[in-house]
Amino acid sequence: MSPVRANQMFYVYVLLSIKDKRFYTGSTVDLRKRFSQHNNQEVLSTKGRGPFALIYYEACLNEKDARIREKYLKTGMGKRYIKNRLKRFLALTG
């Protein structure tokens, strides 16, 4: 097996609520499962705000790095980074 594949990945992700057009940022080891949990209203912090679109994610090899990045993306500067990074996409979604 490739050394890269042997490592556990940790994901930082940003969801866009289709309902209220607000972002939600989180982190997980299983992005597909967590995205499904958000859309099935199984996550207390996003319950009632779905459905969601996964609009951005990053993969990290270290959980601490992912948590630090998540914390940054939740700040004013981090939110500005996401809005800049996804400028064209967000312009299309209104």
N, C-alpha and C. Protein backbone atom coordinates (compact mmCIF):
# COMPACT_ATOMS: atom_id res chain seq x y z
N MET A 1 0.85 -1.18 0.00
CA MET A 1 0.00 0.00 0.00
C MET A 1 0.89 1.24 0.00
N SER A 2 0.46 2.27 -0.69
CA SER A 2 1.19 3.53 -0.76
C SER A 2 1.25 4.19 0.62
N PRO A 3 2.37 4.81 0.98
CA PRO A 3 2.46 5.47 2.29
C PRO A 3 1.43 6.58 2.47
N VAL A 4 1.07 7.24 1.39
CA VAL A 4 0.07 8.31 1.49
C VAL A 4 -1.29 7.71 1.83
N ARG A 5 -1.65 6.59 1.23
CA ARG A 5 -2.94 5.93 1.49
C ARG A 5 -3.03 5.37 2.90
N ALA A 6 -1.90 5.04 3.50
CA ALA A 6 -1.90 4.43 4.83
C ALA A 6 -2.31 5.42 5.91
N ASN A 7 -2.17 6.70 5.64
CA ASN A 7 -2.49 7.72 6.64
C ASN A 7 -3.98 8.03 6.68
N GLN A 8 -4.48 8.26 7.86
CA GLN A 8 -5.85 8.71 8.09
C GLN A 8 -5.93 10.18 7.68
N MET A 9 -6.95 10.54 6.93
CA MET A 9 -7.13 11.94 6.54
C MET A 9 -8.14 12.59 7.48
N PHE A 10 -7.94 13.86 7.74
CA PHE A 10 -8.85 14.66 8.56
C PHE A 10 -9.32 15.81 7.68
N TYR A 11 -10.62 15.99 7.61
CA TYR A 11 -11.20 16.96 6.70
C TYR A 11 -11.78 18.16 7.43
N VAL A 12 -11.55 19.33 6.87
CA VAL A 12 -12.19 20.56 7.29
C VAL A 12 -13.14 20.90 6.15
N TYR A 13 -14.37 21.23 6.47
CA TYR A 13 -15.35 21.44 5.40
C TYR A 13 -16.23 22.66 5.68
N VAL A 14 -16.78 23.19 4.60
CA VAL A 14 -17.71 24.31 4.70
C VAL A 14 -18.98 23.91 3.95
N LEU A 15 -20.10 24.03 4.65
CA LEU A 15 -21.40 23.76 4.06
C LEU A 15 -22.13 25.07 3.84
N LEU A 16 -22.97 25.09 2.84
CA LEU A 16 -23.85 26.23 2.60
C LEU A 16 -25.27 25.75 2.81
N SER A 17 -25.98 26.40 3.71
CA SER A 17 -27.38 26.07 3.95
C SER A 17 -28.20 26.60 2.78
N ILE A 18 -28.92 25.73 2.11
CA ILE A 18 -29.79 26.14 1.01
C ILE A 18 -30.95 26.96 1.58
N LYS A 19 -31.33 26.66 2.81
CA LYS A 19 -32.47 27.31 3.45
C LYS A 19 -32.19 28.75 3.85
N ASP A 20 -31.07 28.99 4.59
CA ASP A 20 -30.82 30.35 5.08
C ASP A 20 -29.58 31.00 4.48
N LYS A 21 -28.93 30.31 3.53
CA LYS A 21 -27.76 30.84 2.80
C LYS A 21 -26.57 31.16 3.70
N ARG A 22 -26.51 30.53 4.87
CA ARG A 22 -25.39 30.74 5.79
C ARG A 22 -24.43 29.57 5.72
N PHE A 23 -23.18 29.85 6.11
CA PHE A 23 -22.14 28.83 6.12
C PHE A 23 -22.13 28.07 7.44
N TYR A 24 -21.64 26.84 7.38
CA TYR A 24 -21.33 26.06 8.58
C TYR A 24 -19.97 25.43 8.31
N THR A 25 -19.05 25.56 9.24
CA THR A 25 -17.70 25.00 9.11
C THR A 25 -17.50 23.94 10.18
N GLY A 26 -16.92 22.81 9.78
CA GLY A 26 -16.67 21.73 10.72
C GLY A 26 -15.48 20.90 10.29
N SER A 27 -15.20 19.84 11.06
CA SER A 27 -14.12 18.92 10.71
C SER A 27 -14.55 17.50 11.07
N THR A 28 -13.96 16.54 10.36
CA THR A 28 -14.35 15.14 10.53
C THR A 28 -13.30 14.23 9.91
N VAL A 29 -13.40 12.93 10.21
CA VAL A 29 -12.55 11.94 9.54
C VAL A 29 -13.30 11.26 8.41
N ASP A 30 -14.62 11.34 8.41
CA ASP A 30 -15.44 10.71 7.37
C ASP A 30 -16.37 11.77 6.77
N LEU A 31 -15.90 12.41 5.72
CA LEU A 31 -16.63 13.54 5.13
C LEU A 31 -17.99 13.14 4.57
N ARG A 32 -18.06 12.03 3.87
CA ARG A 32 -19.35 11.59 3.31
C ARG A 32 -20.39 11.33 4.39
N LYS A 33 -19.96 10.63 5.43
CA LYS A 33 -20.87 10.30 6.53
C LYS A 33 -21.34 11.57 7.24
N ARG A 34 -20.40 12.48 7.51
CA ARG A 34 -20.74 13.71 8.23
C ARG A 34 -21.69 14.58 7.40
N PHE A 35 -21.45 14.67 6.10
CA PHE A 35 -22.32 15.44 5.22
C PHE A 35 -23.73 14.86 5.24
N SER A 36 -23.82 13.55 5.21
CA SER A 36 -25.12 12.88 5.29
C SER A 36 -25.82 13.17 6.62
N GLN A 37 -25.06 13.15 7.71
CA GLN A 37 -25.63 13.45 9.03
C GLN A 37 -26.20 14.87 9.07
N HIS A 38 -25.49 15.81 8.49
CA HIS A 38 -25.99 17.19 8.45
C HIS A 38 -27.31 17.25 7.68
N ASN A 39 -27.37 16.62 6.53
CA ASN A 39 -28.57 16.67 5.70
C ASN A 39 -29.73 15.87 6.27
N ASN A 40 -29.43 14.90 7.13
CA ASN A 40 -30.49 14.11 7.77
C ASN A 40 -30.87 14.66 9.14
N GLN A 41 -30.43 15.87 9.43
CA GLN A 41 -30.74 16.58 10.68
C GLN A 41 -30.31 15.80 11.93
N GLU A 42 -29.17 15.13 11.84
CA GLU A 42 -28.63 14.37 12.96
C GLU A 42 -27.57 15.15 13.73
N VAL A 43 -27.29 16.38 13.32
CA VAL A 43 -26.27 17.21 13.98
C VAL A 43 -26.99 18.37 14.65
N LEU A 44 -26.87 18.45 15.96
CA LEU A 44 -27.59 19.44 16.74
C LEU A 44 -27.34 20.88 16.26
N SER A 45 -26.08 21.20 15.95
CA SER A 45 -25.75 22.58 15.59
C SER A 45 -26.31 23.02 14.24
N THR A 46 -26.72 22.09 13.39
CA THR A 46 -27.28 22.47 12.09
C THR A 46 -28.71 21.98 11.88
N LYS A 47 -29.28 21.38 12.91
CA LYS A 47 -30.63 20.85 12.80
C LYS A 47 -31.62 21.96 12.42
N GLY A 48 -32.44 21.72 11.42
CA GLY A 48 -33.43 22.69 10.99
C GLY A 48 -32.92 23.70 9.97
N ARG A 49 -31.63 23.63 9.63
CA ARG A 49 -31.06 24.58 8.67
C ARG A 49 -30.84 23.97 7.30
N GLY A 50 -31.05 22.67 7.15
CA GLY A 50 -30.79 21.98 5.89
C GLY A 50 -31.88 22.21 4.87
N PRO A 51 -31.69 21.75 3.68
CA PRO A 51 -30.57 20.94 3.18
C PRO A 51 -29.30 21.78 2.98
N PHE A 52 -28.18 21.07 2.86
CA PHE A 52 -26.88 21.70 2.72
C PHE A 52 -26.20 21.29 1.42
N ALA A 53 -25.33 22.18 0.97
CA ALA A 53 -24.43 21.88 -0.14
C ALA A 53 -23.01 21.93 0.40
N LEU A 54 -22.22 20.93 0.07
CA LEU A 54 -20.81 20.94 0.44
C LEU A 54 -20.11 21.83 -0.57
N ILE A 55 -19.58 22.97 -0.13
CA ILE A 55 -19.01 23.91 -1.08
C ILE A 55 -17.48 24.00 -1.02
N TYR A 56 -16.88 23.43 0.04
CA TYR A 56 -15.44 23.53 0.17
C TYR A 56 -14.95 22.52 1.19
N TYR A 57 -13.79 21.92 0.92
CA TYR A 57 -13.15 21.09 1.95
C TYR A 57 -11.65 21.06 1.73
N GLU A 58 -10.93 20.78 2.79
CA GLU A 58 -9.49 20.60 2.77
C GLU A 58 -9.19 19.31 3.51
N ALA A 59 -8.14 18.62 3.08
CA ALA A 59 -7.72 17.38 3.74
C ALA A 59 -6.38 17.62 4.44
N CYS A 60 -6.27 17.12 5.66
CA CYS A 60 -5.04 17.24 6.46
C CYS A 60 -4.61 15.85 6.90
N LEU A 61 -3.32 15.69 7.10
CA LEU A 61 -2.79 14.41 7.59
C LEU A 61 -2.77 14.34 9.11
N ASN A 62 -3.02 15.47 9.76
CA ASN A 62 -2.93 15.54 11.20
C ASN A 62 -4.21 16.16 11.75
N GLU A 63 -4.79 15.54 12.77
CA GLU A 63 -6.05 16.03 13.34
C GLU A 63 -5.90 17.43 13.93
N LYS A 64 -4.78 17.69 14.59
CA LYS A 64 -4.58 19.00 15.19
C LYS A 64 -4.53 20.09 14.12
N ASP A 65 -3.87 19.80 13.00
CA ASP A 65 -3.83 20.76 11.89
C ASP A 65 -5.24 21.06 11.38
N ALA A 66 -6.06 20.03 11.27
CA ALA A 66 -7.44 20.21 10.80
C ALA A 66 -8.23 21.05 11.79
N ARG A 67 -8.08 20.80 13.07
CA ARG A 67 -8.81 21.57 14.09
C ARG A 67 -8.38 23.04 14.09
N ILE A 68 -7.09 23.27 13.94
CA ILE A 68 -6.59 24.65 13.89
C ILE A 68 -7.12 25.37 12.66
N ARG A 69 -7.15 24.66 11.52
CA ARG A 69 -7.68 25.26 10.29
C ARG A 69 -9.17 25.54 10.42
N GLU A 70 -9.91 24.61 11.03
CA GLU A 70 -11.34 24.82 11.26
C GLU A 70 -11.56 26.07 12.11
N LYS A 71 -10.78 26.20 13.17
CA LYS A 71 -10.90 27.35 14.06
C LYS A 71 -10.63 28.65 13.29
N TYR A 72 -9.61 28.63 12.43
CA TYR A 72 -9.28 29.81 11.62
C TYR A 72 -10.42 30.16 10.66
N LEU A 73 -10.97 29.15 9.98
CA LEU A 73 -12.03 29.42 9.00
C LEU A 73 -13.31 29.95 9.66
N LYS A 74 -13.44 29.79 10.96
CA LYS A 74 -14.60 30.32 11.67
C LYS A 74 -14.41 31.77 12.11
N THR A 75 -13.19 32.31 11.95
CA THR A 75 -12.93 33.70 12.30
C THR A 75 -13.37 34.62 11.17
N GLY A 76 -13.37 35.91 11.43
CA GLY A 76 -13.69 36.88 10.39
C GLY A 76 -12.75 36.78 9.20
N MET A 77 -11.45 36.64 9.47
CA MET A 77 -10.46 36.50 8.39
C MET A 77 -10.69 35.20 7.61
N GLY A 78 -11.03 34.13 8.32
CA GLY A 78 -11.27 32.85 7.67
C GLY A 78 -12.50 32.89 6.79
N LYS A 79 -13.55 33.53 7.27
CA LYS A 79 -14.77 33.66 6.46
C LYS A 79 -14.50 34.50 5.22
N ARG A 80 -13.68 35.52 5.38
CA ARG A 80 -13.29 36.35 4.23
C ARG A 80 -12.50 35.52 3.23
N TYR A 81 -11.61 34.65 3.73
CA TYR A 81 -10.83 33.76 2.87
C TYR A 81 -11.76 32.87 2.03
N ILE A 82 -12.74 32.26 2.68
CA ILE A 82 -13.68 31.37 1.97
C ILE A 82 -14.46 32.16 0.93
N LYS A 83 -14.96 33.33 1.31
CA LYS A 83 -15.73 34.14 0.36
C LYS A 83 -14.88 34.56 -0.83
N ASN A 84 -13.60 34.88 -0.60
CA ASN A 84 -12.69 35.22 -1.69
C ASN A 84 -12.38 34.01 -2.55
N ARG A 85 -12.12 32.89 -1.89
CA ARG A 85 -11.76 31.64 -2.58
C ARG A 85 -12.89 31.15 -3.47
N LEU A 86 -14.12 31.36 -3.04
CA LEU A 86 -15.30 30.86 -3.77
C LEU A 86 -16.09 32.00 -4.41
N LYS A 87 -15.44 33.09 -4.68
CA LYS A 87 -16.08 34.31 -5.20
C LYS A 87 -16.98 34.03 -6.39
N ARG A 88 -16.48 33.32 -7.40
CA ARG A 88 -17.27 33.07 -8.62
C ARG A 88 -18.44 32.14 -8.33
N PHE A 89 -18.22 31.10 -7.53
CA PHE A 89 -19.30 30.19 -7.18
C PHE A 89 -20.41 30.92 -6.42
N LEU A 90 -20.03 31.71 -5.44
CA LEU A 90 -21.01 32.42 -4.62
C LEU A 90 -21.76 33.46 -5.43
N ALA A 91 -21.13 34.05 -6.42
CA ALA A 91 -21.79 35.01 -7.30
C ALA A 91 -22.89 34.32 -8.09
N LEU A 92 -22.68 33.07 -8.47
CA LEU A 92 -23.67 32.31 -9.23
C LEU A 92 -24.85 31.88 -8.39
N THR A 93 -24.60 31.65 -7.09
CA THR A 93 -25.68 31.17 -6.21
C THR A 93 -26.50 32.30 -5.62
N GLY A 94 -26.04 33.52 -5.79
CA GLY A 94 -26.80 34.68 -5.31
C GLY A 94 -26.62 34.88 -3.88
